[in-house]
Protein backbone atom coordinates (compact mmCIF):
# COMPACT_ATOMS: atom_id res chain seq x y z
CA UNK A 1 4.98 7.71 -11.29
CA UNK A 2 2.87 8.19 -14.40
CA UNK A 3 4.36 7.56 -17.84
CA UNK A 4 3.09 8.50 -21.29
CA UNK A 5 2.49 5.19 -23.03
CA UNK A 6 3.70 6.30 -26.45
CA UNK A 7 6.80 8.34 -25.62
CA UNK A 8 7.70 7.07 -22.13
CA UNK A 9 7.86 10.62 -20.75
CA UNK A 10 7.28 10.73 -16.99
CA UNK A 11 5.02 13.12 -15.12
CA UNK A 12 6.36 14.86 -12.02
CA UNK A 13 6.34 12.07 -9.39
CA UNK A 14 4.38 12.02 -6.16
CA UNK A 15 5.67 10.56 -2.91
CA UNK A 16 4.92 10.38 0.79
CA UNK A 17 5.89 8.67 4.05
CA UNK A 18 5.68 4.88 4.27
CA UNK A 19 5.07 4.67 8.01
CA UNK A 20 3.51 6.63 10.81
CA UNK A 21 0.30 8.59 11.16
CA UNK A 22 0.87 10.41 7.86
CA UNK A 23 1.66 7.26 5.85
CA UNK A 24 0.16 7.29 2.35
CA UNK A 25 -0.52 4.35 0.06
CA UNK A 26 0.37 4.09 -3.61
CA UNK A 27 -3.33 4.30 -4.41
CA UNK A 28 -3.54 7.48 -2.37
CA UNK A 29 -0.65 8.99 -4.33
CA UNK A 30 -2.59 8.42 -7.55
CA UNK A 31 -5.13 11.01 -6.39
CA UNK A 32 -2.32 13.59 -6.31
CA UNK A 33 -1.02 12.41 -9.68
CA UNK A 34 -4.41 12.86 -11.34
CA UNK A 35 -4.09 16.62 -10.89
CA UNK A 36 -0.96 16.56 -13.08
CA UNK A 37 -2.37 14.60 -16.01
CA UNK A 38 -3.56 16.31 -19.20
CA UNK A 39 -7.28 16.91 -19.44
CA UNK A 40 -7.75 14.20 -22.08
CA UNK A 41 -5.40 11.69 -20.40
CA UNK A 42 -6.57 8.13 -19.81
CA UNK A 43 -5.28 6.37 -16.69
CA UNK A 44 -4.11 2.79 -17.22
CA UNK A 45 -2.95 0.66 -14.31
CA UNK A 46 -2.25 -2.90 -13.23
CA UNK A 47 -3.97 -4.91 -10.50
CA UNK A 48 -2.38 -2.82 -7.75
CA UNK A 49 -4.33 0.21 -8.99
CA UNK A 50 -7.45 -1.66 -10.12
CA UNK A 51 -9.43 -0.77 -6.98
CA UNK A 52 -12.59 1.22 -6.52
CA UNK A 53 -11.01 4.20 -4.76
CA UNK A 54 -8.65 4.89 -7.69
CA UNK A 55 -11.45 4.49 -10.25
CA UNK A 56 -13.63 6.84 -8.17
CA UNK A 57 -10.90 9.48 -7.92
CA UNK A 58 -10.26 9.23 -11.67
CA UNK A 59 -13.96 9.67 -12.40
CA UNK A 60 -14.11 12.69 -10.09
CA UNK A 61 -11.17 14.17 -12.04
CA UNK A 62 -12.91 13.46 -15.38
CA UNK A 63 -10.31 10.92 -16.51
CA UNK A 64 -11.24 7.67 -18.23
CA UNK A 65 -9.60 4.49 -16.93
CA UNK A 66 -8.37 1.11 -18.15
CA UNK A 67 -7.48 -1.14 -15.21
CA UNK A 68 -6.73 -4.79 -14.73
CA UNK A 69 -8.74 -6.07 -11.76
CA UNK A 70 -8.53 -9.21 -9.67
CA UNK A 71 -10.81 -12.04 -10.79
CA UNK A 72 -12.65 -12.08 -7.47
CA UNK A 73 -13.31 -8.34 -7.75
CA UNK A 74 -14.38 -8.73 -11.38
CA UNK A 75 -16.76 -11.53 -10.41
CA UNK A 76 -18.41 -9.41 -7.72
CA UNK A 77 -18.62 -6.55 -10.20
CA UNK A 78 -20.40 -8.81 -12.70
CA UNK A 79 -22.94 -10.12 -10.18
CA UNK A 80 -21.23 -13.38 -9.29
CA UNK A 81 -20.29 -14.78 -12.70
CA UNK A 82 -17.58 -13.68 -15.12
CA UNK A 83 -18.51 -13.10 -18.76
CA UNK A 84 -17.21 -15.75 -21.19
CA UNK A 85 -13.67 -15.41 -22.51
CA UNK A 86 -13.16 -12.67 -25.13
CA UNK A 87 -16.41 -10.93 -24.28
CA UNK A 88 -17.61 -8.01 -22.18
CA UNK A 89 -20.40 -6.85 -19.92
CA UNK A 90 -21.74 -3.49 -18.81
CA UNK A 91 -21.27 -3.16 -15.05
CA UNK A 92 -21.77 -0.78 -12.16
CA UNK A 93 -18.75 -0.86 -9.86
CA UNK A 94 -19.61 -0.14 -6.23
CA UNK A 95 -17.29 -0.17 -3.21
CA UNK A 96 -17.12 -3.26 -1.02
CA UNK A 97 -17.49 -3.16 2.77
CA UNK A 98 -13.73 -3.25 3.19
CA UNK A 99 -13.30 -0.38 0.75
CA UNK A 100 -15.91 1.66 2.61
CA UNK A 101 -14.10 1.07 5.89
CA UNK A 102 -10.82 2.14 4.31
CA UNK A 103 -12.45 5.16 2.63
CA UNK A 104 -15.26 6.43 4.86
CA UNK A 105 -15.45 9.62 2.76
CA UNK A 106 -17.10 7.72 -0.12
CA UNK A 107 -20.73 8.78 -0.57
CA UNK A 108 -23.47 6.22 -0.01
CA UNK A 109 -24.38 6.15 -3.70
CA UNK A 110 -20.79 5.96 -5.01
CA UNK A 111 -20.65 4.07 -8.31
CA UNK A 112 -18.43 3.95 -11.40
CA UNK A 113 -20.16 2.70 -14.53
CA UNK A 114 -18.20 1.02 -17.28
CA UNK A 115 -17.40 -2.24 -19.05
CA UNK A 116 -15.89 -5.44 -17.72
CA UNK A 117 -13.77 -7.14 -20.38
CA UNK A 118 -12.56 -10.72 -20.09
CA UNK A 119 -9.83 -11.71 -22.53
CA UNK A 120 -7.50 -14.67 -22.95
CA UNK A 121 -4.02 -13.63 -24.08
CA UNK A 122 -0.82 -15.57 -24.57
CA UNK A 123 1.96 -14.85 -22.10
CA UNK A 124 5.68 -14.87 -22.87
CA UNK A 125 5.93 -18.51 -21.77
CA UNK A 126 3.19 -19.52 -24.19
CA UNK A 127 0.61 -20.09 -21.44
CA UNK A 128 -2.85 -18.55 -21.70
CA UNK A 129 -3.52 -15.73 -19.24
CA UNK A 130 -6.98 -14.49 -18.39
CA UNK A 131 -7.21 -10.72 -18.20
CA UNK A 132 -10.10 -9.02 -16.42
CA UNK A 133 -10.16 -5.37 -17.45
CA UNK A 134 -12.43 -2.58 -16.27
CA UNK A 135 -12.74 0.50 -18.45
CA UNK A 136 -14.86 3.61 -18.82
CA UNK A 137 -13.75 3.96 -22.45
CA UNK A 138 -16.01 3.14 -25.39
CA UNK A 139 -13.37 1.95 -27.85
CA UNK A 140 -13.67 -1.62 -29.24
CA UNK A 141 -12.79 -4.43 -26.84
CA UNK A 142 -10.01 -5.81 -29.05
CA UNK A 143 -8.29 -2.42 -29.23
CA UNK A 144 -8.37 -1.95 -25.44
CA UNK A 145 -6.93 -5.42 -24.84
CA UNK A 146 -4.10 -4.67 -27.24
CA UNK A 147 -3.47 -1.30 -25.58
CA UNK A 148 -3.28 -2.96 -22.17
CA UNK A 149 -0.78 -5.48 -23.48
CA UNK A 150 1.50 -2.52 -24.10
CA UNK A 151 1.43 -1.66 -20.41
CA UNK A 152 4.59 -3.76 -20.12
CA UNK A 153 6.38 -0.94 -21.97
CA UNK A 154 6.00 1.06 -18.77
CA UNK A 155 7.96 -1.58 -16.87
CA UNK A 156 10.77 -1.06 -19.39
CA UNK A 157 10.58 2.68 -18.69
CA UNK A 158 10.94 1.91 -14.99
CA UNK A 159 13.96 -0.26 -15.79
CA UNK A 160 15.54 2.68 -17.59
CA UNK A 161 15.00 4.82 -14.49
CA UNK A 162 16.30 2.20 -12.08
CA UNK A 163 19.20 0.71 -14.00
CA UNK A 164 20.38 3.14 -16.66
CA UNK A 165 19.89 6.24 -14.48
CA UNK A 166 20.76 4.31 -11.28
CA UNK A 167 17.59 5.34 -9.45
CA UNK A 168 17.15 1.89 -7.91
CA UNK A 169 18.58 3.17 -4.61
CA UNK A 170 18.35 6.76 -3.47
CA UNK A 171 21.48 7.92 -1.69
CA UNK A 172 20.13 11.04 0.01
CA UNK A 173 19.35 10.99 3.74
CA UNK A 174 16.89 13.88 4.21
CA UNK A 175 13.47 14.54 2.66
CA UNK A 176 14.70 17.74 0.96
CA UNK A 177 17.66 16.00 -0.67
CA UNK A 178 15.58 12.96 -1.65
CA UNK A 179 13.19 15.34 -3.41
CA UNK A 180 16.05 16.99 -5.32
CA UNK A 181 17.63 13.67 -6.25
CA UNK A 182 14.35 12.24 -7.50
CA UNK A 183 13.25 15.31 -9.45
CA UNK A 184 16.64 15.82 -11.11
CA UNK A 185 16.77 12.16 -12.09
CA UNK A 186 13.30 12.32 -13.64
CA UNK A 187 14.23 15.57 -15.42
CA UNK A 188 17.32 13.89 -16.90
CA UNK A 189 15.22 10.90 -17.90
CA UNK A 190 12.69 13.17 -19.64
CA UNK A 191 15.49 14.99 -21.46
CA UNK A 192 16.67 11.71 -22.96
CA UNK A 193 13.10 10.66 -23.79
CA UNK A 194 12.43 14.02 -25.46
CA UNK A 195 15.50 13.68 -27.67
CA UNK A 196 14.47 10.10 -28.39
CA UNK A 197 10.99 11.22 -29.38
CA UNK A 198 12.23 13.96 -31.71
CA UNK A 199 14.78 11.65 -33.33
CA UNK A 200 12.05 9.05 -33.87
CA UNK A 201 9.81 11.70 -35.44
CA UNK A 202 12.53 12.73 -37.88
CA UNK A 203 13.20 9.08 -38.77
CA UNK A 204 9.46 8.25 -38.97
CA UNK A 205 9.77 5.68 -36.19
CA UNK A 206 7.91 4.84 -33.01
CA UNK A 207 9.98 6.32 -30.12
CA UNK A 208 10.34 3.00 -28.32
CA UNK A 209 12.13 1.57 -31.37
CA UNK A 210 15.20 3.56 -30.33
CA UNK A 211 17.46 2.38 -27.49
CA UNK A 212 17.19 4.53 -24.35
CA UNK A 213 20.80 3.82 -23.35
CA UNK A 214 22.13 4.75 -26.79
CA UNK A 215 20.13 7.97 -26.85
CA UNK A 216 21.45 8.75 -23.38
CA UNK A 217 25.02 8.22 -24.64
CA UNK A 218 24.42 10.71 -27.47
CA UNK A 219 22.95 13.25 -25.03
CA UNK A 220 25.86 12.84 -22.63
CA UNK A 221 28.30 13.36 -25.51
CA UNK A 222 26.51 16.61 -26.38
CA UNK A 223 26.29 17.91 -22.78
CA UNK A 224 29.61 19.86 -22.84
CA UNK A 225 28.56 21.68 -26.02
CA UNK A 226 25.05 22.31 -24.67
CA UNK A 227 26.56 23.90 -21.55
CA UNK A 228 28.56 26.34 -23.70
CA UNK A 229 25.66 27.45 -25.90
CA UNK A 230 23.52 30.41 -24.87
CA UNK A 231 20.86 30.22 -27.55
CA UNK A 232 18.46 27.27 -27.35
CA UNK A 233 18.29 26.81 -31.13
CA UNK A 234 22.03 26.80 -31.68
CA UNK A 235 22.29 23.00 -31.69
CA UNK A 236 20.27 22.93 -34.90
CA UNK A 237 18.79 19.49 -34.32
CA UNK A 238 22.18 17.73 -34.19
CA UNK A 239 21.25 15.44 -31.32
CA UNK A 240 18.08 14.01 -32.95
CA UNK A 241 19.92 13.54 -36.23
CA UNK A 242 22.71 11.64 -34.52
CA UNK A 243 20.29 9.40 -32.67
CA UNK A 244 18.37 8.64 -35.83
CA UNK A 245 21.37 7.32 -37.74
CA UNK A 246 21.24 3.60 -38.41
CA UNK A 247 17.54 3.33 -37.51
CA UNK A 248 15.92 4.47 -40.75
CA UNK A 249 15.15 0.93 -41.87
CA UNK A 250 12.88 0.21 -38.95
CA UNK A 251 9.11 0.52 -39.28
CA UNK A 252 6.68 2.49 -37.15
CA UNK A 253 3.31 1.70 -35.63
CA UNK A 254 0.59 4.03 -34.35
CA UNK A 255 0.33 4.58 -30.60
CA UNK A 256 -2.38 5.78 -28.26
CA UNK A 257 -0.94 9.23 -27.58
CA UNK A 258 -3.23 10.21 -24.70
CA UNK A 259 -2.76 7.10 -22.57
CA UNK A 260 -0.74 7.33 -19.39
CA UNK A 261 0.01 4.52 -17.03
CA UNK A 262 0.35 4.55 -13.27
CA UNK A 263 3.57 2.76 -12.42
CA UNK A 264 5.99 2.09 -9.57
CA UNK A 265 9.68 2.58 -9.15
CA UNK A 266 11.03 -0.30 -7.10
CA UNK A 267 11.25 -1.94 -3.69
CA UNK A 268 10.28 0.29 -0.81
CA UNK A 269 13.35 1.50 1.02
CA UNK A 270 13.81 2.89 4.53
CA UNK A 271 15.76 6.13 4.37
CA UNK A 272 17.19 7.08 7.80
CA UNK A 273 16.39 10.70 8.49
CA UNK A 274 15.19 12.94 11.29
CA UNK A 275 12.94 14.38 12.42
CA UNK A 276 10.60 13.89 9.44
CA UNK A 277 9.15 10.39 8.67
CA UNK A 278 10.93 8.31 6.01
CA UNK A 279 10.09 8.76 2.34
CA UNK A 280 8.61 5.77 0.52
CA UNK A 281 8.81 4.87 -3.15
CA UNK A 282 6.43 2.26 -4.53
CA UNK A 283 7.29 -1.24 -5.69
CA UNK A 284 6.85 -2.80 -9.12
CA UNK A 285 5.55 -6.08 -10.44
CA UNK A 286 8.00 -8.73 -11.68
CA UNK A 287 6.53 -9.96 -14.95
CA UNK A 288 3.95 -9.28 -17.68
CA UNK A 289 1.12 -8.84 -17.99
CA UNK A 290 0.19 -7.30 -14.62
């Protein structure tokens, strides 16, 4: 999955088999997802996606990146020593031996040039967390650290998909039905997010200031009337107006509108089906910041 950081809207998901000769990794699915991102989209991901192959694919697709990387990987990237806390260093990221074995298609001179940022941030428990970020962006270090802190918003988007829309467990048994169930769920999710975004615009709020579940309740209340209306404009903005009520006192903050974040839906599940291999959905991290 890829979510728009500001609005929470989800791109059309990618998926593939978990096991067998045609098994595909989450990192491999990102390559497919890159084709669906807007031309000026920036890919932001946690440690699971902070690997050379994903950065290389993003560079080949002309997308900038902002990834958290493991400390050991960051240290190798920096030549053996990490920059001091709250500082940065220009680096040339090259694939390791293991990465070359896993991706033999990488050219001999493969390299992604960017900045390695080391920042100390305070976690929810008050403890200091060291973030090692790699980016090909040129924005100020402090801004990029703050943007990455907002990556946890994507985990809340995943929670809305899993809990509110009950996508935690897929009930379909065949690949064709799994595809329909997943796509329709994401379409319904995007409908609610779109209404939420328009209501926030009318109320001069940041979209995430509105409750997803409450917006969904308003949309569900309007569904019978929507089904009976032939003309798209006949609703006259009634849904956004209803969602915006009671939220006018809240304040808004600017968001990075072009940032998208690679994310994961939940524990991998084995879906019994034949004769095609089972469909896999990625897993997600358990706590911020990841």
